[in-house]
Amino acid sequence: MSASAVLIPKYHMVKAALLDRMTDGTWHPSAPIPSETELCRQFGVSRITVRKAIGDLVHEGRLRTVQGKGTFMTDPKVGERFVQRALGLYEEMYRRGLRVTTDVLRQEIVPAQPDVARRLEVA
């Protein structure tokens, strides 16, 4: 299959655009995002498409919905921006029809620093 034959679902493209807005400063942590109706208008897609994209982001813990209030960004976790950039690289290469691989050079178990152990609630 050639790169031009790869079709990316609309909801995935909307999700990627929402993630971009979440990371580029367009939207702020704990702030509401635009309504589903507004997002449908902005992206020119159906409400089902927007709901699927938002649903994925809620499932991933990136957004939270409050009945009758709207959908809100969650506070970013430590190191989240790096992961987003790395994931963005993989997605961008996939869109271009390129394959990116990762080789694990070393894997080891190390003792947790006291503050990390406390946060993870481990010894």
Protein backbone atom coordinates (compact mmCIF):
# COMPACT_ATOMS: atom_id res chain seq x y z
CA MET A 1 0.00 0.00 0.00
CA SER A 2 1.44 3.38 -0.94
CA ALA A 3 1.57 6.38 1.37
CA SER A 4 -1.10 8.14 -0.68
CA ALA A 5 -3.47 5.17 -0.19
CA VAL A 6 -3.37 5.40 3.61
CA LEU A 7 -6.60 6.94 4.88
CA ILE A 8 -6.63 8.48 8.32
CA PRO A 9 -10.04 8.56 10.01
CA LYS A 10 -11.53 12.03 10.38
CA TYR A 11 -11.84 11.67 14.13
CA HIS A 12 -8.10 10.96 14.33
CA MET A 13 -7.33 14.18 12.44
CA VAL A 14 -9.69 16.12 14.73
CA LYS A 15 -8.07 14.51 17.78
CA ALA A 16 -4.60 15.50 16.52
CA ALA A 17 -5.77 19.07 15.97
CA LEU A 18 -7.28 19.19 19.47
CA LEU A 19 -4.01 17.90 20.92
CA ASP A 20 -2.13 20.60 19.02
CA ARG A 21 -4.35 23.27 20.52
CA MET A 22 -3.90 21.75 23.97
CA THR A 23 -0.11 21.85 23.71
CA ASP A 24 0.52 25.04 21.74
CA GLY A 25 -1.08 27.34 24.32
CA THR A 26 -4.32 27.96 22.40
CA TRP A 27 -6.21 26.43 25.33
CA HIS A 28 -5.09 26.58 28.93
CA PRO A 29 -5.15 23.80 31.54
CA SER A 30 -8.49 23.56 33.39
CA ALA A 31 -10.08 25.86 30.79
CA PRO A 32 -13.16 24.75 28.85
CA ILE A 33 -12.70 23.85 25.21
CA PRO A 34 -15.21 25.04 22.57
CA SER A 35 -18.56 23.27 22.42
CA GLU A 36 -19.11 20.25 20.18
CA THR A 37 -21.21 22.42 17.87
CA GLU A 38 -18.40 24.97 17.54
CA LEU A 39 -15.79 22.25 16.93
CA CYS A 40 -18.03 20.70 14.24
CA ARG A 41 -18.19 24.08 12.54
CA GLN A 42 -14.43 24.71 12.86
CA PHE A 43 -13.44 21.31 11.45
CA GLY A 44 -16.32 20.84 9.03
CA VAL A 45 -17.17 17.41 10.45
CA SER A 46 -20.17 15.71 12.04
CA ARG A 47 -20.96 15.71 15.73
CA ILE A 48 -20.23 11.96 15.85
CA THR A 49 -16.68 12.64 14.61
CA VAL A 50 -16.09 15.34 17.24
CA ARG A 51 -17.56 13.14 19.99
CA LYS A 52 -15.25 10.25 19.04
CA ALA A 53 -12.17 12.52 19.14
CA ILE A 54 -13.22 14.02 22.48
CA GLY A 55 -14.13 10.58 23.85
CA ASP A 56 -10.64 9.27 23.05
CA LEU A 57 -9.05 12.25 24.80
CA VAL A 58 -11.30 11.78 27.84
CA HIS A 59 -10.37 8.09 27.94
CA GLU A 60 -6.68 9.06 27.81
CA GLY A 61 -7.17 11.52 30.68
CA ARG A 62 -6.41 14.57 28.54
CA LEU A 63 -9.91 16.04 28.79
CA ARG A 64 -12.74 15.73 31.29
CA THR A 65 -16.42 16.33 30.75
CA VAL A 66 -18.74 17.90 33.31
CA GLN A 67 -22.45 17.31 32.71
CA GLY A 68 -24.15 20.60 31.89
CA LYS A 69 -20.88 22.58 32.07
CA GLY A 70 -18.76 21.41 29.12
CA THR A 71 -15.47 19.72 28.37
CA PHE A 72 -12.28 20.88 30.09
CA MET A 73 -8.56 20.31 29.69
CA THR A 74 -6.97 18.39 32.50
CA ASP A 75 -3.82 19.64 34.17
CA PRO A 76 -0.76 18.34 32.28
CA LYS A 77 1.28 15.61 33.91
CA VAL A 78 5.03 15.77 34.43
CA GLY A 79 6.91 15.02 31.22
CA GLU A 80 3.72 15.07 29.17
CA ARG A 81 4.91 17.65 26.65
CA PHE A 82 7.90 15.49 25.67
CA VAL A 83 5.65 12.48 25.13
CA GLN A 84 3.28 14.57 23.01
CA ARG A 85 6.14 15.77 20.83
CA ALA A 86 7.48 12.23 20.46
CA LEU A 87 4.03 10.89 19.60
CA GLY A 88 3.63 13.76 17.15
CA LEU A 89 6.80 12.68 15.39
CA TYR A 90 5.50 9.13 14.98
CA GLU A 91 2.13 10.36 13.72
CA GLU A 92 3.74 12.79 11.28
CA MET A 93 6.03 10.12 9.86
CA TYR A 94 3.06 7.74 9.57
CA ARG A 95 1.12 10.38 7.63
CA ARG A 96 4.08 10.66 5.25
CA GLY A 97 4.13 6.91 4.75
CA LEU A 98 7.37 6.43 6.65
CA ARG A 99 8.02 3.86 9.35
CA VAL A 100 9.73 4.94 12.57
CA THR A 101 11.12 2.29 14.89
CA THR A 102 12.58 2.35 18.37
CA ASP A 103 15.41 0.18 19.66
CA VAL A 104 15.70 -0.29 23.42
CA LEU A 105 19.41 0.01 24.18
CA ARG A 106 19.20 -0.57 27.91
CA GLN A 107 16.53 -1.40 30.42
CA GLU A 108 17.09 -1.57 34.14
CA ILE A 109 15.32 -1.24 37.45
CA VAL A 110 16.60 1.59 39.63
CA PRO A 111 15.59 2.58 43.16
CA ALA A 112 13.12 5.45 43.30
CA GLN A 113 14.28 8.76 44.72
CA PRO A 114 12.45 9.56 48.00
CA ASP A 115 10.12 12.17 46.47
CA VAL A 116 9.25 9.87 43.53
CA ALA A 117 8.68 6.90 45.86
CA ARG A 118 6.35 9.03 47.98
CA ARG A 119 4.31 10.13 44.97
CA LEU A 120 4.12 6.58 43.60
CA GLU A 121 3.38 5.27 47.08
CA VAL A 122 6.14 2.65 46.88
CA ALA A 123 9.07 1.79 49.13
